Amino acid sequence: MTADTPALDDLERDALTELVNIGVSRAAAALRKMIGEPVVLSVPAIEMLDRAAAASLIGEREADHLVAVKQDFTGAFSGRAMLIFPQGSSLDLVRAVAGAGMSAEDAAELEEEALAETGNVILNRCIGTMANMLHRSLALSLPEVMRGDGAHLLSFESNTGDTGLVLFLYINFFVRSRNIRGYIALLLDLQSLAALKMLVREFIDSVIGDEEGGAPRAGPDDVLEAEAP
């Protein structure tokens, strides 16, 4: 990490972790409605990593071929949101969403379309909640399904041309009664991290001000603008 890296202090990291946790919890609630099963989440992890280290982090956990739904977001801060599955889990998710009676062959035919729609719902919930709590709006691109290993999935090119360090936020989730597990990851370049750091600091200051003044805090309703096709 260089001296120019906009590192988060402990309070900012805790606040960002909480924002991510709320956003991902809402995403998990949306997934639970889609499949009719409880979704178990791990505690969000936030790391400053280069692309290779981020890819290795996923590669250490998953040796299988990976499938991901990616959506880029722009606005007050920019980056990429990804919903990542092992290949087997992606097919099980499609069958869970479409109905228990679907055959493996039918699931394979509908996989890409169903994954894109599922990813769109989950990532919109996650990013939309975070943006609203920071009192900002973000534009989210249309969902795109990717396949490959961690290095390919995380070959993220930023708008600024920065391909070095990224803020890698990830959380594991799984469905106990089905063979479904995956990850939600957010990638932000250093310029966007600096913008996010300022917004998180404003969020902290507003929370402290509300607590001191006794004012109620606004609820994290999802506000997200979808990019036109």
C-alpha atoms as a PDB file:
ATOM      1  CA  MET A   1       0.000   0.000   0.000  1.00  0.00           C
ATOM      2  CA  THR A   2       1.417   3.397  -0.947  1.00  0.00           C
ATOM      3  CA  ALA A   3       1.320   6.695   0.903  1.00  0.00           C
ATOM      4  CA  ASP A   4      -1.311   7.891  -1.590  1.00  0.00           C
ATOM      5  CA  THR A   5      -3.716   5.085  -0.683  1.00  0.00           C
ATOM      6  CA  PRO A   6      -6.809   6.564   1.051  1.00  0.00           C
ATOM      7  CA  ALA A   7      -6.787   4.092   3.948  1.00  0.00           C
ATOM      8  CA  LEU A   8      -9.840   3.818   6.192  1.00  0.00           C
ATOM      9  CA  ASP A   9      -9.389   4.362   9.899  1.00  0.00           C
ATOM     10  CA  ASP A  10     -10.963   1.954  12.386  1.00  0.00           C
ATOM     11  CA  LEU A  11     -14.156   3.964  12.803  1.00  0.00           C
ATOM     12  CA  GLU A  12     -14.609   4.351   9.045  1.00  0.00           C
ATOM     13  CA  ARG A  13     -13.970   0.635   8.509  1.00  0.00           C
ATOM     14  CA  ASP A  14     -16.543  -0.259  11.163  1.00  0.00           C
ATOM     15  CA  ALA A  15     -19.091   2.104   9.622  1.00  0.00           C
ATOM     16  CA  LEU A  16     -18.493   0.757   6.117  1.00  0.00           C
ATOM     17  CA  THR A  17     -18.761  -2.806   7.409  1.00  0.00           C
ATOM     18  CA  GLU A  18     -22.131  -1.931   8.909  1.00  0.00           C
ATOM     19  CA  LEU A  19     -23.320  -0.349   5.653  1.00  0.00           C
ATOM     20  CA  VAL A  20     -22.237  -3.434   3.711  1.00  0.00           C
ATOM     21  CA  ASN A  21     -23.880  -5.693   6.287  1.00  0.00           C
ATOM     22  CA  ILE A  22     -27.226  -3.906   5.980  1.00  0.00           C
ATOM     23  CA  GLY A  23     -27.041  -3.892   2.180  1.00  0.00           C
ATOM     24  CA  VAL A  24     -26.148  -7.571   1.925  1.00  0.00           C
ATOM     25  CA  SER A  25     -28.790  -8.508   4.513  1.00  0.00           C
ATOM     26  CA  ARG A  26     -31.400  -6.888   2.297  1.00  0.00           C
ATOM     27  CA  ALA A  27     -29.971  -8.725  -0.690  1.00  0.00           C
ATOM     28  CA  ALA A  28     -30.216 -12.000   1.252  1.00  0.00           C
ATOM     29  CA  ALA A  29     -33.834 -11.212   2.139  1.00  0.00           C
ATOM     30  CA  ALA A  30     -34.587 -10.786  -1.567  1.00  0.00           C
ATOM     31  CA  LEU A  31     -32.892 -14.123  -2.324  1.00  0.00           C
ATOM     32  CA  ARG A  32     -34.821 -15.798   0.482  1.00  0.00           C
ATOM     33  CA  LYS A  33     -38.096 -14.638  -1.083  1.00  0.00           C
ATOM     34  CA  MET A  34     -37.020 -15.976  -4.460  1.00  0.00           C
ATOM     35  CA  ILE A  35     -36.071 -19.469  -3.266  1.00  0.00           C
ATOM     36  CA  GLY A  36     -38.238 -19.836  -0.171  1.00  0.00           C
ATOM     37  CA  GLU A  37     -35.302 -20.875   2.037  1.00  0.00           C
ATOM     38  CA  PRO A  38     -33.289 -19.125   4.772  1.00  0.00           C
ATOM     39  CA  VAL A  39     -29.986 -17.661   3.596  1.00  0.00           C
ATOM     40  CA  VAL A  40     -27.023 -17.765   5.988  1.00  0.00           C
ATOM     41  CA  LEU A  41     -24.497 -14.906   5.816  1.00  0.00           C
ATOM     42  CA  SER A  42     -20.969 -14.522   7.102  1.00  0.00           C
ATOM     43  CA  VAL A  43     -19.637 -11.310   8.633  1.00  0.00           C
ATOM     44  CA  PRO A  44     -18.593  -8.895   5.853  1.00  0.00           C
ATOM     45  CA  ALA A  45     -14.850  -8.682   5.228  1.00  0.00           C
ATOM     46  CA  ILE A  46     -13.156  -5.567   3.876  1.00  0.00           C
ATOM     47  CA  GLU A  47      -9.638  -5.782   2.481  1.00  0.00           C
ATOM     48  CA  MET A  48      -7.331  -3.514   0.495  1.00  0.00           C
ATOM     49  CA  LEU A  49      -5.852  -5.897  -2.081  1.00  0.00           C
ATOM     50  CA  ASP A  50      -4.383  -5.987  -5.547  1.00  0.00           C
ATOM     51  CA  ARG A  51      -6.236  -7.918  -8.255  1.00  0.00           C
ATOM     52  CA  ALA A  52      -4.033 -11.016  -7.931  1.00  0.00           C
ATOM     53  CA  ALA A  53      -4.544 -11.248  -4.167  1.00  0.00           C
ATOM     54  CA  ALA A  54      -8.302 -10.802  -4.529  1.00  0.00           C
ATOM     55  CA  ALA A  55      -8.405 -13.555  -7.151  1.00  0.00           C
ATOM     56  CA  SER A  56      -6.330 -15.827  -4.907  1.00  0.00           C
ATOM     57  CA  LEU A  57      -8.746 -15.225  -2.051  1.00  0.00           C
ATOM     58  CA  ILE A  58     -11.574 -16.713  -4.097  1.00  0.00           C
ATOM     59  CA  GLY A  59      -9.338 -19.364  -5.670  1.00  0.00           C
ATOM     60  CA  GLU A  60      -8.330 -20.679  -2.241  1.00  0.00           C
ATOM     61  CA  ARG A  61     -11.979 -21.370  -1.456  1.00  0.00           C
ATOM     62  CA  GLU A  62     -13.194 -22.594  -4.844  1.00  0.00           C
ATOM     63  CA  ALA A  63     -11.328 -24.932  -7.157  1.00  0.00           C
ATOM     64  CA  ASP A  64     -14.332 -25.348  -9.479  1.00  0.00           C
ATOM     65  CA  HIS A  65     -15.216 -23.267 -12.509  1.00  0.00           C
ATOM     66  CA  LEU A  66     -16.894 -20.041 -11.373  1.00  0.00           C
ATOM     67  CA  VAL A  67     -19.936 -18.181 -12.665  1.00  0.00           C
ATOM     68  CA  ALA A  68     -20.569 -14.534 -11.802  1.00  0.00           C
ATOM     69  CA  VAL A  69     -23.101 -11.815 -12.449  1.00  0.00           C
ATOM     70  CA  LYS A  70     -21.426  -8.414 -12.655  1.00  0.00           C
ATOM     71  CA  GLN A  71     -22.895  -4.934 -12.656  1.00  0.00           C
ATOM     72  CA  ASP A  72     -20.851  -1.744 -12.817  1.00  0.00           C
ATOM     73  CA  PHE A  73     -22.092   1.260 -10.860  1.00  0.00           C
ATOM     74  CA  THR A  74     -21.315   4.955 -11.267  1.00  0.00           C
ATOM     75  CA  GLY A  75     -22.168   8.104  -9.381  1.00  0.00           C
ATOM     76  CA  ALA A  76     -20.722   9.601  -6.204  1.00  0.00           C
ATOM     77  CA  PHE A  77     -18.375   6.612  -6.246  1.00  0.00           C
ATOM     78  CA  SER A  78     -17.893   3.967  -8.914  1.00  0.00           C
ATOM     79  CA  GLY A  79     -16.969   0.327  -9.057  1.00  0.00           C
ATOM     80  CA  ARG A  80     -18.201  -3.155  -9.798  1.00  0.00           C
ATOM     81  CA  ALA A  81     -20.593  -5.380  -7.870  1.00  0.00           C
ATOM     82  CA  MET A  82     -20.364  -9.129  -8.400  1.00  0.00           C
ATOM     83  CA  LEU A  83     -22.412 -12.136  -7.395  1.00  0.00           C
ATOM     84  CA  ILE A  84     -20.095 -15.160  -7.665  1.00  0.00           C
ATOM     85  CA  PHE A  85     -20.951 -18.879  -7.586  1.00  0.00           C
ATOM     86  CA  PRO A  86     -19.233 -22.189  -8.184  1.00  0.00           C
ATOM     87  CA  GLN A  87     -20.682 -23.701 -11.378  1.00  0.00           C
ATOM     88  CA  GLY A  88     -22.705 -26.340  -9.489  1.00  0.00           C
ATOM     89  CA  SER A  89     -24.283 -23.812  -7.160  1.00  0.00           C
ATOM     90  CA  SER A  90     -25.396 -21.625 -10.060  1.00  0.00           C
ATOM     91  CA  LEU A  91     -27.451 -24.473 -11.557  1.00  0.00           C
ATOM     92  CA  ASP A  92     -28.939 -25.322  -8.158  1.00  0.00           C
ATOM     93  CA  LEU A  93     -29.882 -21.672  -7.708  1.00  0.00           C
ATOM     94  CA  VAL A  94     -31.663 -21.597 -11.060  1.00  0.00           C
ATOM     95  CA  ARG A  95     -33.654 -24.696 -10.121  1.00  0.00           C
ATOM     96  CA  ALA A  96     -34.469 -23.219  -6.700  1.00  0.00           C
ATOM     97  CA  VAL A  97     -35.718 -19.968  -8.232  1.00  0.00           C
ATOM     98  CA  ALA A  98     -37.630 -21.602 -11.103  1.00  0.00           C
ATOM     99  CA  GLY A  99     -39.185 -24.418  -9.045  1.00  0.00           C
ATOM    100  CA  ALA A 100     -38.298 -27.827  -7.697  1.00  0.00           C
ATOM    101  CA  GLY A 101     -39.797 -29.635 -10.678  1.00  0.00           C
ATOM    102  CA  MET A 102     -37.305 -28.254 -13.193  1.00  0.00           C
ATOM    103  CA  SER A 103     -34.921 -30.797 -14.683  1.00  0.00           C
ATOM    104  CA  ALA A 104     -31.154 -30.273 -14.781  1.00  0.00           C
ATOM    105  CA  GLU A 105     -31.361 -29.990 -18.589  1.00  0.00           C
ATOM    106  CA  ASP A 106     -34.002 -27.262 -18.453  1.00  0.00           C
ATOM    107  CA  ALA A 107     -32.058 -25.449 -15.729  1.00  0.00           C
ATOM    108  CA  ALA A 108     -28.940 -25.432 -17.904  1.00  0.00           C
ATOM    109  CA  GLU A 109     -30.879 -23.891 -20.810  1.00  0.00           C
ATOM    110  CA  LEU A 110     -32.298 -21.116 -18.630  1.00  0.00           C
ATOM    111  CA  GLU A 111     -29.181 -20.632 -16.509  1.00  0.00           C
ATOM    112  CA  GLU A 112     -27.792 -17.424 -18.019  1.00  0.00           C
ATOM    113  CA  GLU A 113     -31.103 -15.557 -18.165  1.00  0.00           C
ATOM    114  CA  ALA A 114     -32.160 -16.663 -14.676  1.00  0.00           C
ATOM    115  CA  LEU A 115     -28.760 -15.831 -13.178  1.00  0.00           C
ATOM    116  CA  ALA A 116     -28.760 -12.361 -14.735  1.00  0.00           C
ATOM    117  CA  GLU A 117     -32.200 -11.612 -13.311  1.00  0.00           C
ATOM    118  CA  THR A 118     -31.318 -13.041  -9.886  1.00  0.00           C
ATOM    119  CA  GLY A 119     -28.064 -11.104  -9.804  1.00  0.00           C
ATOM    120  CA  ASN A 120     -29.865  -7.920 -10.801  1.00  0.00           C
ATOM    121  CA  VAL A 121     -32.295  -8.223  -7.885  1.00  0.00           C
ATOM    122  CA  ILE A 122     -29.643  -9.088  -5.304  1.00  0.00           C
ATOM    123  CA  LEU A 123     -27.025  -6.536  -6.383  1.00  0.00           C
ATOM    124  CA  ASN A 124     -29.635  -3.772  -6.714  1.00  0.00           C
ATOM    125  CA  ARG A 125     -30.725  -4.439  -3.146  1.00  0.00           C
ATOM    126  CA  CYS A 126     -27.170  -4.430  -1.856  1.00  0.00           C
ATOM    127  CA  ILE A 127     -25.845  -1.357  -3.666  1.00  0.00           C
ATOM    128  CA  GLY A 128     -29.137   0.542  -3.503  1.00  0.00           C
ATOM    129  CA  THR A 129     -29.344   0.237   0.284  1.00  0.00           C
ATOM    130  CA  MET A 130     -25.759   1.414   0.747  1.00  0.00           C
ATOM    131  CA  ALA A 131     -26.251   4.368  -1.623  1.00  0.00           C
ATOM    132  CA  ASN A 132     -29.445   5.455   0.084  1.00  0.00           C
ATOM    133  CA  MET A 133     -27.909   5.320   3.552  1.00  0.00           C
ATOM    134  CA  LEU A 134     -25.134   7.565   2.239  1.00  0.00           C
ATOM    135  CA  HIS A 135     -27.805   9.870   0.729  1.00  0.00           C
ATOM    136  CA  ARG A 136     -26.522   9.365  -2.801  1.00  0.00           C
ATOM    137  CA  SER A 137     -27.881   7.733  -5.952  1.00  0.00           C
ATOM    138  CA  LEU A 138     -25.940   5.403  -8.217  1.00  0.00           C
ATOM    139  CA  ALA A 139     -26.559   4.229 -11.767  1.00  0.00           C
ATOM    140  CA  LEU A 140     -26.201   0.482 -12.214  1.00  0.00           C
ATOM    141  CA  SER A 141     -25.446  -1.163 -15.568  1.00  0.00           C
ATOM    142  CA  LEU A 142     -27.384  -4.091 -16.944  1.00  0.00           C
ATOM    143  CA  PRO A 143     -26.325  -7.459 -15.473  1.00  0.00           C
ATOM    144  CA  GLU A 144     -23.765  -9.522 -17.359  1.00  0.00           C
ATOM    145  CA  VAL A 145     -22.925 -13.183 -16.741  1.00  0.00           C
ATOM    146  CA  MET A 146     -19.222 -14.095 -16.708  1.00  0.00           C
ATOM    147  CA  ARG A 147     -17.465 -17.462 -16.458  1.00  0.00           C
ATOM    148  CA  GLY A 148     -13.904 -18.345 -15.568  1.00  0.00           C
ATOM    149  CA  ASP A 149     -11.475 -18.453 -12.665  1.00  0.00           C
ATOM    150  CA  GLY A 150     -10.957 -15.765 -10.029  1.00  0.00           C
ATOM    151  CA  ALA A 151      -8.277 -13.974 -12.043  1.00  0.00           C
ATOM    152  CA  HIS A 152     -10.607 -13.597 -15.037  1.00  0.00           C
ATOM    153  CA  LEU A 153     -13.627 -12.539 -12.986  1.00  0.00           C
ATOM    154  CA  LEU A 154     -11.671  -9.894 -11.100  1.00  0.00           C
ATOM    155  CA  SER A 155      -9.867  -8.390 -14.111  1.00  0.00           C
ATOM    156  CA  PHE A 156     -11.526  -5.081 -13.303  1.00  0.00           C
ATOM    157  CA  GLU A 157     -10.566  -2.007 -15.348  1.00  0.00           C
ATOM    158  CA  SER A 158     -11.455   1.228 -13.577  1.00  0.00           C
ATOM    159  CA  ASN A 159     -12.625   4.407 -15.297  1.00  0.00           C
ATOM    160  CA  THR A 160      -9.377   6.077 -14.223  1.00  0.00           C
ATOM    161  CA  GLY A 161      -7.152   3.363 -15.659  1.00  0.00           C
ATOM    162  CA  ASP A 162      -6.074   2.292 -12.171  1.00  0.00           C
ATOM    163  CA  THR A 163      -5.499  -1.467 -12.211  1.00  0.00           C
ATOM    164  CA  GLY A 164      -3.558  -1.758  -8.956  1.00  0.00           C
ATOM    165  CA  LEU A 165      -5.090  -1.842  -5.491  1.00  0.00           C
ATOM    166  CA  VAL A 166      -8.818  -2.180  -4.989  1.00  0.00           C
ATOM    167  CA  LEU A 167     -11.103  -2.138  -1.983  1.00  0.00           C
ATOM    168  CA  PHE A 168     -12.427  -5.700  -1.965  1.00  0.00           C
ATOM    169  CA  LEU A 169     -15.575  -6.160   0.110  1.00  0.00           C
ATOM    170  CA  TYR A 170     -16.881  -9.684   0.226  1.00  0.00           C
ATOM    171  CA  ILE A 171     -19.343 -11.787   2.138  1.00  0.00           C
ATOM    172  CA  ASN A 172     -20.085 -15.517   1.963  1.00  0.00           C
ATOM    173  CA  PHE A 173     -23.628 -16.840   1.867  1.00  0.00           C
ATOM    174  CA  PHE A 174     -25.154 -20.290   1.622  1.00  0.00           C
ATOM    175  CA  VAL A 175     -28.481 -22.100   1.799  1.00  0.00           C
ATOM    176  CA  ARG A 176     -28.296 -24.991   4.270  1.00  0.00           C
ATOM    177  CA  SER A 177     -30.951 -27.194   2.696  1.00  0.00           C
ATOM    178  CA  ARG A 178     -29.579 -26.839  -0.845  1.00  0.00           C
ATOM    179  CA  ASN A 179     -26.184 -27.016  -2.482  1.00  0.00           C
ATOM    180  CA  ILE A 180     -26.052 -23.248  -2.959  1.00  0.00           C
ATOM    181  CA  ARG A 181     -23.185 -21.075  -1.811  1.00  0.00           C
ATOM    182  CA  GLY A 182     -21.548 -17.984  -3.201  1.00  0.00           C
ATOM    183  CA  TYR A 183     -20.032 -14.576  -2.593  1.00  0.00           C
ATOM    184  CA  ILE A 184     -20.965 -10.962  -3.051  1.00  0.00           C
ATOM    185  CA  ALA A 185     -17.959  -8.785  -3.876  1.00  0.00           C
ATOM    186  CA  LEU A 186     -17.569  -5.055  -4.457  1.00  0.00           C
ATOM    187  CA  LEU A 187     -14.505  -3.688  -6.244  1.00  0.00           C
ATOM    188  CA  LEU A 188     -13.569  -0.007  -6.050  1.00  0.00           C
ATOM    189  CA  ASP A 189     -10.468   1.719  -7.399  1.00  0.00           C
ATOM    190  CA  LEU A 190      -8.480   4.185  -5.309  1.00  0.00           C
ATOM    191  CA  GLN A 191     -10.198   7.297  -6.652  1.00  0.00           C
ATOM    192  CA  SER A 192     -13.611   5.873  -5.803  1.00  0.00           C
ATOM    193  CA  LEU A 193     -12.324   4.702  -2.431  1.00  0.00           C
ATOM    194  CA  ALA A 194     -11.315   8.299  -1.624  1.00  0.00           C
ATOM    195  CA  ALA A 195     -14.846   9.474  -2.539  1.00  0.00           C
ATOM    196  CA  LEU A 196     -16.417   6.657  -0.515  1.00  0.00           C
ATOM    197  CA  LYS A 197     -14.188   7.483   2.460  1.00  0.00           C
ATOM    198  CA  MET A 198     -15.556  11.051   2.482  1.00  0.00           C
ATOM    199  CA  LEU A 199     -19.160   9.806   2.300  1.00  0.00           C
ATOM    200  CA  VAL A 200     -18.591   7.316   5.106  1.00  0.00           C
ATOM    201  CA  ARG A 201     -17.112  10.093   7.248  1.00  0.00           C
ATOM    202  CA  GLU A 202     -20.188  12.251   6.531  1.00  0.00           C
ATOM    203  CA  PHE A 203     -22.380   9.282   7.494  1.00  0.00           C
ATOM    204  CA  ILE A 204     -20.503   8.872  10.791  1.00  0.00           C
ATOM    205  CA  ASP A 205     -20.813  12.585  11.558  1.00  0.00           C
ATOM    206  CA  SER A 206     -24.543  12.536  10.799  1.00  0.00           C
ATOM    207  CA  VAL A 207     -25.104   9.526  13.054  1.00  0.00           C
ATOM    208  CA  ILE A 208     -23.190  11.185  15.892  1.00  0.00           C
ATOM    209  CA  GLY A 209     -25.159  14.398  15.352  1.00  0.00           C
ATOM    210  CA  ASP A 210     -28.493  12.536  15.364  1.00  0.00           C
ATOM    211  CA  GLU A 211     -27.589  10.688  18.551  1.00  0.00           C
ATOM    212  CA  GLU A 212     -26.558  13.895  20.299  1.00  0.00           C
ATOM    213  CA  GLY A 213     -29.666  15.730  19.090  1.00  0.00           C
ATOM    214  CA  GLY A 214     -32.064  12.846  19.596  1.00  0.00           C
ATOM    215  CA  ALA A 215     -33.243  13.049  15.979  1.00  0.00           C
ATOM    216  CA  PRO A 216     -34.504   9.828  14.332  1.00  0.00           C
ATOM    217  CA  ARG A 217     -32.389   8.366  11.550  1.00  0.00           C
ATOM    218  CA  ALA A 218     -33.853   7.845   8.094  1.00  0.00           C
ATOM    219  CA  GLY A 219     -34.520   4.260   7.047  1.00  0.00           C
ATOM    220  CA  PRO A 220     -32.337   2.684   4.339  1.00  0.00           C
ATOM    221  CA  ASP A 221     -34.914   2.508   1.542  1.00  0.00           C
ATOM    222  CA  ASP A 222     -33.435   1.332  -1.735  1.00  0.00           C
ATOM    223  CA  VAL A 223     -32.841   4.148  -4.237  1.00  0.00           C
ATOM    224  CA  LEU A 224     -31.071   3.074  -7.396  1.00  0.00           C
ATOM    225  CA  GLU A 225     -31.244   4.234 -10.977  1.00  0.00           C
ATOM    226  CA  ALA A 226     -31.106   1.539 -13.637  1.00  0.00           C
ATOM    227  CA  GLU A 227     -29.067   2.308 -16.724  1.00  0.00           C
ATOM    228  CA  ALA A 228     -31.078   2.223 -19.944  1.00  0.00           C
ATOM    229  CA  PRO A 229     -30.370  -0.711 -22.315  1.00  0.00           C
END
